């Protein structure tokens, strides 16, 4: 690259290789899947607790867990 004032630019960045990019993406997707699984298990546990006891607090907790799960799904970019 030639500059009009003969200044050589200093590039202070490196490009990531394709393999390291896919490893990073796979790690992030694995972590997101594990967290979604944990939210799903918590959802099922809360649903069963509410069905057995009919205690209203479990219903509100179920609504909260559903909102957290949907928010996390949106952040994972599954639905654009």
PDB file of N, CA and C in Angstrom:
ATOM      1  N   UNK A   1       0.849  -1.163   0.000  1.00  0.00           N
ATOM      2  CA  UNK A   1       0.000   0.000   0.000  1.00  0.00           C
ATOM      3  C   UNK A   1       0.899   1.233   0.000  1.00  0.00           C
ATOM      4  N   UNK A   2       0.635   2.133  -0.910  1.00  0.00           N
ATOM      5  CA  UNK A   2       1.438   3.351  -1.005  1.00  0.00           C
ATOM      6  C   UNK A   2       0.575   4.546  -0.649  1.00  0.00           C
ATOM      7  N   UNK A   3       1.099   5.363   0.208  1.00  0.00           N
ATOM      8  CA  UNK A   3       0.402   6.564   0.635  1.00  0.00           C
ATOM      9  C   UNK A   3       0.908   7.722  -0.192  1.00  0.00           C
ATOM     10  N   UNK A   4       0.101   8.746  -0.366  1.00  0.00           N
ATOM     11  CA  UNK A   4       0.509   9.876  -1.208  1.00  0.00           C
ATOM     12  C   UNK A   4       1.676  10.653  -0.609  1.00  0.00           C
ATOM     13  N   UNK A   5       1.839  10.615   0.716  1.00  0.00           N
ATOM     14  CA  UNK A   5       2.947  11.327   1.354  1.00  0.00           C
ATOM     15  C   UNK A   5       4.082  10.364   1.731  1.00  0.00           C
ATOM     16  N   UNK A   6       4.078   9.203   1.103  1.00  0.00           N
ATOM     17  CA  UNK A   6       5.100   8.170   1.310  1.00  0.00           C
ATOM     18  C   UNK A   6       5.177   7.715   2.757  1.00  0.00           C
ATOM     19  N   UNK A   7       4.029   7.675   3.414  1.00  0.00           N
ATOM     20  CA  UNK A   7       3.958   7.193   4.790  1.00  0.00           C
ATOM     21  C   UNK A   7       3.506   5.745   4.751  1.00  0.00           C
ATOM     22  N   UNK A   8       4.277   4.883   5.342  1.00  0.00           N
ATOM     23  CA  UNK A   8       3.899   3.479   5.405  1.00  0.00           C
ATOM     24  C   UNK A   8       3.024   3.258   6.637  1.00  0.00           C
ATOM     25  N   UNK A   9       1.787   2.858   6.461  1.00  0.00           N
ATOM     26  CA  UNK A   9       0.913   2.650   7.614  1.00  0.00           C
ATOM     27  C   UNK A   9       1.362   1.442   8.439  1.00  0.00           C
ATOM     28  N   UNK A  10       1.122   1.525   9.731  1.00  0.00           N
ATOM     29  CA  UNK A  10       1.441   0.435  10.633  1.00  0.00           C
ATOM     30  C   UNK A  10       0.142  -0.308  10.931  1.00  0.00           C
ATOM     31  N   UNK A  11       0.125  -1.550  10.536  1.00  0.00           N
ATOM     32  CA  UNK A  11      -1.054  -2.367  10.782  1.00  0.00           C
ATOM     33  C   UNK A  11      -0.873  -3.051  12.124  1.00  0.00           C
ATOM     34  N   UNK A  12      -1.681  -2.681  13.111  1.00  0.00           N
ATOM     35  CA  UNK A  12      -1.549  -3.233  14.453  1.00  0.00           C
ATOM     36  C   UNK A  12      -2.655  -4.240  14.753  1.00  0.00           C
ATOM     37  N   UNK A  13      -2.995  -5.049  13.788  1.00  0.00           N
ATOM     38  CA  UNK A  13      -3.989  -6.093  13.979  1.00  0.00           C
ATOM     39  C   UNK A  13      -3.555  -7.320  13.192  1.00  0.00           C
ATOM     40  N   UNK A  14      -4.109  -8.435  13.553  1.00  0.00           N
ATOM     41  CA  UNK A  14      -3.865  -9.668  12.822  1.00  0.00           C
ATOM     42  C   UNK A  14      -5.211 -10.279  12.449  1.00  0.00           C
ATOM     43  N   UNK A  15      -5.221 -10.961  11.348  1.00  0.00           N
ATOM     44  CA  UNK A  15      -6.434 -11.625  10.911  1.00  0.00           C
ATOM     45  C   UNK A  15      -6.506 -13.002  11.558  1.00  0.00           C
ATOM     46  N   UNK A  16      -7.703 -13.377  11.949  1.00  0.00           N
ATOM     47  CA  UNK A  16      -7.914 -14.663  12.598  1.00  0.00           C
ATOM     48  C   UNK A  16      -8.024 -15.748  11.533  1.00  0.00           C
ATOM     49  N   UNK A  17      -7.413 -16.881  11.808  1.00  0.00           N
ATOM     50  CA  UNK A  17      -7.502 -17.972  10.847  1.00  0.00           C
ATOM     51  C   UNK A  17      -8.913 -18.552  10.857  1.00  0.00           C
ATOM     52  N   UNK A  18      -9.246 -19.229   9.784  1.00  0.00           N
ATOM     53  CA  UNK A  18     -10.575 -19.807   9.654  1.00  0.00           C
ATOM     54  C   UNK A  18     -10.818 -20.868  10.728  1.00  0.00           C
ATOM     55  N   UNK A  19      -9.789 -21.663  11.009  1.00  0.00           N
ATOM     56  CA  UNK A  19      -9.934 -22.720  12.004  1.00  0.00           C
ATOM     57  C   UNK A  19     -10.181 -22.158  13.402  1.00  0.00           C
ATOM     58  N   UNK A  20      -9.424 -21.130  13.788  1.00  0.00           N
ATOM     59  CA  UNK A  20      -9.622 -20.550  15.129  1.00  0.00           C
ATOM     60  C   UNK A  20     -10.969 -19.839  15.232  1.00  0.00           C
ATOM     61  N   UNK A  21     -11.433 -19.256  14.121  1.00  0.00           N
ATOM     62  CA  UNK A  21     -12.755 -18.628  14.125  1.00  0.00           C
ATOM     63  C   UNK A  21     -13.843 -19.671  14.372  1.00  0.00           C
ATOM     64  N   UNK A  22     -13.766 -20.791  13.652  1.00  0.00           N
ATOM     65  CA  UNK A  22     -14.789 -21.824  13.824  1.00  0.00           C
ATOM     66  C   UNK A  22     -14.702 -22.483  15.189  1.00  0.00           C
ATOM     67  N   UNK A  23     -13.501 -22.590  15.755  1.00  0.00           N
ATOM     68  CA  UNK A  23     -13.377 -23.116  17.113  1.00  0.00           C
ATOM     69  C   UNK A  23     -14.041 -22.178  18.113  1.00  0.00           C
ATOM     70  N   UNK A  24     -13.853 -20.884  17.937  1.00  0.00           N
ATOM     71  CA  UNK A  24     -14.474 -19.898  18.823  1.00  0.00           C
ATOM     72  C   UNK A  24     -15.992 -19.939  18.688  1.00  0.00           C
ATOM     73  N   UNK A  25     -16.480 -20.015  17.465  1.00  0.00           N
ATOM     74  CA  UNK A  25     -17.930 -20.081  17.230  1.00  0.00           C
ATOM     75  C   UNK A  25     -18.506 -21.355  17.840  1.00  0.00           C
ATOM     76  N   UNK A  26     -17.808 -22.473  17.672  1.00  0.00           N
ATOM     77  CA  UNK A  26     -18.295 -23.746  18.220  1.00  0.00           C
ATOM     78  C   UNK A  26     -18.335 -23.707  19.741  1.00  0.00           C
ATOM     79  N   UNK A  27     -17.327 -23.081  20.366  1.00  0.00           N
ATOM     80  CA  UNK A  27     -17.306 -22.959  21.817  1.00  0.00           C
ATOM     81  C   UNK A  27     -18.473 -22.113  22.315  1.00  0.00           C
ATOM     82  N   UNK A  28     -18.731 -20.996  21.640  1.00  0.00           N
ATOM     83  CA  UNK A  28     -19.847 -20.130  22.028  1.00  0.00           C
ATOM     84  C   UNK A  28     -21.185 -20.838  21.857  1.00  0.00           C
ATOM     85  N   UNK A  29     -21.346 -21.560  20.742  1.00  0.00           N
ATOM     86  CA  UNK A  29     -22.600 -22.274  20.516  1.00  0.00           C
ATOM     87  C   UNK A  29     -22.791 -23.403  21.525  1.00  0.00           C
ATOM     88  N   UNK A  30     -21.706 -24.077  21.904  1.00  0.00           N
ATOM     89  CA  UNK A  30     -21.800 -25.143  22.906  1.00  0.00           C
ATOM     90  C   UNK A  30     -22.199 -24.578  24.264  1.00  0.00           C
ATOM     91  N   UNK A  31     -21.613 -23.433  24.628  1.00  0.00           N
ATOM     92  CA  UNK A  31     -21.955 -22.796  25.894  1.00  0.00           C
ATOM     93  C   UNK A  31     -23.409 -22.330  25.891  1.00  0.00           C
ATOM     94  N   UNK A  32     -23.849 -21.739  24.791  1.00  0.00           N
ATOM     95  CA  UNK A  32     -25.241 -21.303  24.694  1.00  0.00           C
ATOM     96  C   UNK A  32     -26.202 -22.485  24.765  1.00  0.00           C
ATOM     97  N   UNK A  33     -25.839 -23.591  24.126  1.00  0.00           N
ATOM     98  CA  UNK A  33     -26.695 -24.777  24.184  1.00  0.00           C
ATOM     99  C   UNK A  33     -26.780 -25.331  25.596  1.00  0.00           C
ATOM    100  N   UNK A  34     -25.650 -25.350  26.306  1.00  0.00           N
ATOM    101  CA  UNK A  34     -25.654 -25.845  27.685  1.00  0.00           C
ATOM    102  C   UNK A  34     -26.522 -24.960  28.576  1.00  0.00           C
ATOM    103  N   UNK A  35     -26.421 -23.651  28.401  1.00  0.00           N
ATOM    104  CA  UNK A  35     -27.234 -22.734  29.205  1.00  0.00           C
ATOM    105  C   UNK A  35     -28.713 -22.858  28.855  1.00  0.00           C
ATOM    106  N   UNK A  36     -29.032 -23.056  27.581  1.00  0.00           N
ATOM    107  CA  UNK A  36     -30.423 -23.257  27.193  1.00  0.00           C
ATOM    108  C   UNK A  36     -30.967 -24.550  27.784  1.00  0.00           C
ATOM    109  N   UNK A  37     -30.119 -25.565  27.837  1.00  0.00           N
ATOM    110  CA  UNK A  37     -30.530 -26.818  28.464  1.00  0.00           C
ATOM    111  C   UNK A  37     -30.814 -26.640  29.940  1.00  0.00           C
ATOM    112  N   UNK A  38     -29.977 -25.840  30.619  1.00  0.00           N
ATOM    113  CA  UNK A  38     -30.201 -25.588  32.044  1.00  0.00           C
ATOM    114  C   UNK A  38     -31.500 -24.823  32.264  1.00  0.00           C
ATOM    115  N   UNK A  39     -31.773 -23.845  31.423  1.00  0.00           N
ATOM    116  CA  UNK A  39     -33.025 -23.096  31.533  1.00  0.00           C
ATOM    117  C   UNK A  39     -34.208 -24.017  31.246  1.00  0.00           C
ATOM    118  N   UNK A  40     -34.049 -24.914  30.286  1.00  0.00           N
ATOM    119  CA  UNK A  40     -35.120 -25.854  29.969  1.00  0.00           C
ATOM    120  C   UNK A  40     -35.413 -26.810  31.119  1.00  0.00           C
ATOM    121  N   UNK A  41     -34.369 -27.309  31.754  1.00  0.00           N
ATOM    122  CA  UNK A  41     -34.560 -28.196  32.907  1.00  0.00           C
ATOM    123  C   UNK A  41     -35.231 -27.439  34.051  1.00  0.00           C
ATOM    124  N   UNK A  42     -34.806 -26.201  34.271  1.00  0.00           N
ATOM    125  CA  UNK A  42     -35.422 -25.385  35.321  1.00  0.00           C
ATOM    126  C   UNK A  42     -36.892 -25.112  35.006  1.00  0.00           C
ATOM    127  N   UNK A  43     -37.197 -24.914  33.724  1.00  0.00           N
ATOM    128  CA  UNK A  43     -38.577 -24.703  33.299  1.00  0.00           C
ATOM    129  C   UNK A  43     -39.431 -25.936  33.599  1.00  0.00           C
ATOM    130  N   UNK A  44     -38.933 -27.106  33.229  1.00  0.00           N
ATOM    131  CA  UNK A  44     -39.693 -28.341  33.465  1.00  0.00           C
ATOM    132  C   UNK A  44     -39.868 -28.588  34.959  1.00  0.00           C
ATOM    133  N   UNK A  45     -38.805 -28.368  35.737  1.00  0.00           N
ATOM    134  CA  UNK A  45     -38.887 -28.564  37.184  1.00  0.00           C
ATOM    135  C   UNK A  45     -39.920 -27.617  37.810  1.00  0.00           C
ATOM    136  N   UNK A  46     -39.906 -26.358  37.378  1.00  0.00           N
ATOM    137  CA  UNK A  46     -40.863 -25.386  37.906  1.00  0.00           C
ATOM    138  C   UNK A  46     -42.289 -25.738  37.476  1.00  0.00           C
ATOM    139  N   UNK A  47     -42.464 -26.184  36.245  1.00  0.00           N
ATOM    140  CA  UNK A  47     -43.786 -26.581  35.764  1.00  0.00           C
ATOM    141  C   UNK A  47     -44.328 -27.768  36.561  1.00  0.00           C
ATOM    142  N   UNK A  48     -43.480 -28.768  36.783  1.00  0.00           N
ATOM    143  CA  UNK A  48     -43.925 -29.922  37.564  1.00  0.00           C
ATOM    144  C   UNK A  48     -44.230 -29.536  39.011  1.00  0.00           C
ATOM    145  N   UNK A  49     -43.425 -28.649  39.578  1.00  0.00           N
ATOM    146  CA  UNK A  49     -43.684 -28.202  40.951  1.00  0.00           C
ATOM    147  C   UNK A  49     -45.019 -27.474  41.038  1.00  0.00           C
ATOM    148  N   UNK A  50     -45.321 -26.668  40.024  1.00  0.00           N
ATOM    149  CA  UNK A  50     -46.597 -25.943  40.037  1.00  0.00           C
ATOM    150  C   UNK A  50     -47.771 -26.903  39.842  1.00  0.00           C
ATOM    151  N   UNK A  51     -47.598 -27.875  38.954  1.00  0.00           N
ATOM    152  CA  UNK A  51     -48.685 -28.837  38.726  1.00  0.00           C
ATOM    153  C   UNK A  51     -48.973 -29.675  39.965  1.00  0.00           C
ATOM    154  N   UNK A  52     -47.943 -30.003  40.745  1.00  0.00           N
ATOM    155  CA  UNK A  52     -48.137 -30.831  41.922  1.00  0.00           C
ATOM    156  C   UNK A  52     -48.734 -30.032  43.068  1.00  0.00           C
ATOM    157  N   UNK A  53     -48.231 -28.817  43.312  1.00  0.00           N
ATOM    158  CA  UNK A  53     -48.641 -28.064  44.497  1.00  0.00           C
ATOM    159  C   UNK A  53     -49.697 -26.995  44.224  1.00  0.00           C
ATOM    160  N   UNK A  54     -49.770 -26.513  42.996  1.00  0.00           N
ATOM    161  CA  UNK A  54     -50.662 -25.393  42.637  1.00  0.00           C
ATOM    162  C   UNK A  54     -50.364 -24.135  43.461  1.00  0.00           C
ATOM    163  N   UNK A  55     -49.093 -23.998  43.845  1.00  0.00           N
ATOM    164  CA  UNK A  55     -48.660 -22.819  44.602  1.00  0.00           C
ATOM    165  C   UNK A  55     -48.376 -21.701  43.596  1.00  0.00           C
ATOM    166  N   UNK A  56     -48.982 -20.519  43.785  1.00  0.00           N
ATOM    167  CA  UNK A  56     -48.906 -19.448  42.798  1.00  0.00           C
ATOM    168  C   UNK A  56     -47.491 -18.946  42.546  1.00  0.00           C
ATOM    169  N   UNK A  57     -46.649 -19.019  43.535  1.00  0.00           N
ATOM    170  CA  UNK A  57     -45.287 -18.533  43.351  1.00  0.00           C
ATOM    171  C   UNK A  57     -44.563 -19.317  42.253  1.00  0.00           C
ATOM    172  N   UNK A  58     -44.854 -20.613  42.140  1.00  0.00           N
ATOM    173  CA  UNK A  58     -44.256 -21.415  41.071  1.00  0.00           C
ATOM    174  C   UNK A  58     -44.748 -20.967  39.700  1.00  0.00           C
ATOM    175  N   UNK A  59     -45.988 -20.524  39.632  1.00  0.00           N
ATOM    176  CA  UNK A  59     -46.510 -20.030  38.357  1.00  0.00           C
ATOM    177  C   UNK A  59     -45.788 -18.753  37.937  1.00  0.00           C
ATOM    178  N   UNK A  60     -45.564 -17.836  38.868  1.00  0.00           N
ATOM    179  CA  UNK A  60     -44.833 -16.612  38.553  1.00  0.00           C
ATOM    180  C   UNK A  60     -43.379 -16.918  38.210  1.00  0.00           C
ATOM    181  N   UNK A  61     -42.789 -17.887  38.900  1.00  0.00           N
ATOM    182  CA  UNK A  61     -41.432 -18.300  38.576  1.00  0.00           C
ATOM    183  C   UNK A  61     -41.376 -18.924  37.188  1.00  0.00           C
ATOM    184  N   UNK A  62     -42.417 -19.651  36.829  1.00  0.00           N
ATOM    185  CA  UNK A  62     -42.505 -20.241  35.499  1.00  0.00           C
ATOM    186  C   UNK A  62     -42.569 -19.161  34.417  1.00  0.00           C
ATOM    187  N   UNK A  63     -43.323 -18.120  34.666  1.00  0.00           N
ATOM    188  CA  UNK A  63     -43.404 -17.003  33.718  1.00  0.00           C
ATOM    189  C   UNK A  63     -42.047 -16.321  33.590  1.00  0.00           C
ATOM    190  N   UNK A  64     -41.364 -16.135  34.706  1.00  0.00           N
ATOM    191  CA  UNK A  64     -40.046 -15.504  34.690  1.00  0.00           C
ATOM    192  C   UNK A  64     -39.034 -16.364  33.933  1.00  0.00           C
ATOM    193  N   UNK A  65     -39.020 -17.653  34.197  1.00  0.00           N
ATOM    194  CA  UNK A  65     -38.085 -18.557  33.525  1.00  0.00           C
ATOM    195  C   UNK A  65     -38.373 -18.597  32.027  1.00  0.00           C
ATOM    196  N   UNK A  66     -39.638 -18.572  31.651  1.00  0.00           N
ATOM    197  CA  UNK A  66     -40.004 -18.535  30.235  1.00  0.00           C
ATOM    198  C   UNK A  66     -39.463 -17.270  29.576  1.00  0.00           C
ATOM    199  N   UNK A  67     -39.598 -16.132  30.246  1.00  0.00           N
ATOM    200  CA  UNK A  67     -39.069 -14.881  29.702  1.00  0.00           C
ATOM    201  C   UNK A  67     -37.562 -14.908  29.562  1.00  0.00           C
ATOM    202  N   UNK A  68     -36.878 -15.441  30.548  1.00  0.00           N
ATOM    203  CA  UNK A  68     -35.409 -15.543  30.475  1.00  0.00           C
ATOM    204  C   UNK A  68     -35.007 -16.472  29.339  1.00  0.00           C
ATOM    205  N   UNK A  69     -35.704 -17.579  29.195  1.00  0.00           N
ATOM    206  CA  UNK A  69     -35.396 -18.512  28.114  1.00  0.00           C
ATOM    207  C   UNK A  69     -35.612 -17.912  26.742  1.00  0.00           C
ATOM    208  N   UNK A  70     -36.711 -17.211  26.561  1.00  0.00           N
ATOM    209  CA  UNK A  70     -36.980 -16.572  25.266  1.00  0.00           C
ATOM    210  C   UNK A  70     -35.989 -15.453  24.965  1.00  0.00           C
ATOM    211  N   UNK A  71     -35.611 -14.715  25.998  1.00  0.00           N
ATOM    212  CA  UNK A  71     -34.606 -13.660  25.818  1.00  0.00           C
ATOM    213  C   UNK A  71     -33.261 -14.262  25.419  1.00  0.00           C
ATOM    214  N   UNK A  72     -32.883 -15.357  26.049  1.00  0.00           N
ATOM    215  CA  UNK A  72     -31.618 -16.009  25.719  1.00  0.00           C
ATOM    216  C   UNK A  72     -31.645 -16.589  24.311  1.00  0.00           C
ATOM    217  N   UNK A  73     -32.792 -17.128  23.909  1.00  0.00           N
ATOM    218  CA  UNK A  73     -32.917 -17.636  22.539  1.00  0.00           C
ATOM    219  C   UNK A  73     -32.770 -16.493  21.538  1.00  0.00           C
ATOM    220  N   UNK A  74     -33.339 -15.359  21.853  1.00  0.00           N
ATOM    221  CA  UNK A  74     -33.220 -14.199  20.959  1.00  0.00           C
ATOM    222  C   UNK A  74     -31.768 -13.724  20.865  1.00  0.00           C
ATOM    223  N   UNK A  75     -31.050 -13.767  21.989  1.00  0.00           N
ATOM    224  CA  UNK A  75     -29.659 -13.344  21.966  1.00  0.00           C
ATOM    225  C   UNK A  75     -28.772 -14.304  21.199  1.00  0.00           C
ATOM    226  N   UNK A  76     -29.166 -15.584  21.140  1.00  0.00           N
ATOM    227  CA  UNK A  76     -28.388 -16.573  20.399  1.00  0.00           C
ATOM    228  C   UNK A  76     -28.596 -16.458  18.896  1.00  0.00           C
ATOM    229  N   UNK A  77     -29.465 -15.581  18.472  1.00  0.00           N
ATOM    230  CA  UNK A  77     -29.760 -15.309  17.084  1.00  0.00           C
ATOM    231  C   UNK A  77     -30.372 -16.506  16.362  1.00  0.00           C
ATOM    232  N   UNK A  78     -31.178 -17.288  17.092  1.00  0.00           N
ATOM    233  CA  UNK A  78     -31.886 -18.376  16.440  1.00  0.00           C
ATOM    234  C   UNK A  78     -33.048 -17.849  15.619  1.00  0.00           C
ATOM    235  N   UNK A  79     -33.661 -16.771  16.098  1.00  0.00           N
ATOM    236  CA  UNK A  79     -34.748 -16.114  15.367  1.00  0.00           C
ATOM    237  C   UNK A  79     -34.277 -14.723  14.971  1.00  0.00           C
ATOM    238  N   UNK A  80     -34.225 -14.463  13.684  1.00  0.00           N
ATOM    239  CA  UNK A  80     -33.724 -13.151  13.223  1.00  0.00           C
ATOM    240  C   UNK A  80     -34.873 -12.211  13.038  1.00  0.00           C
TER     241      UNK A  80
END
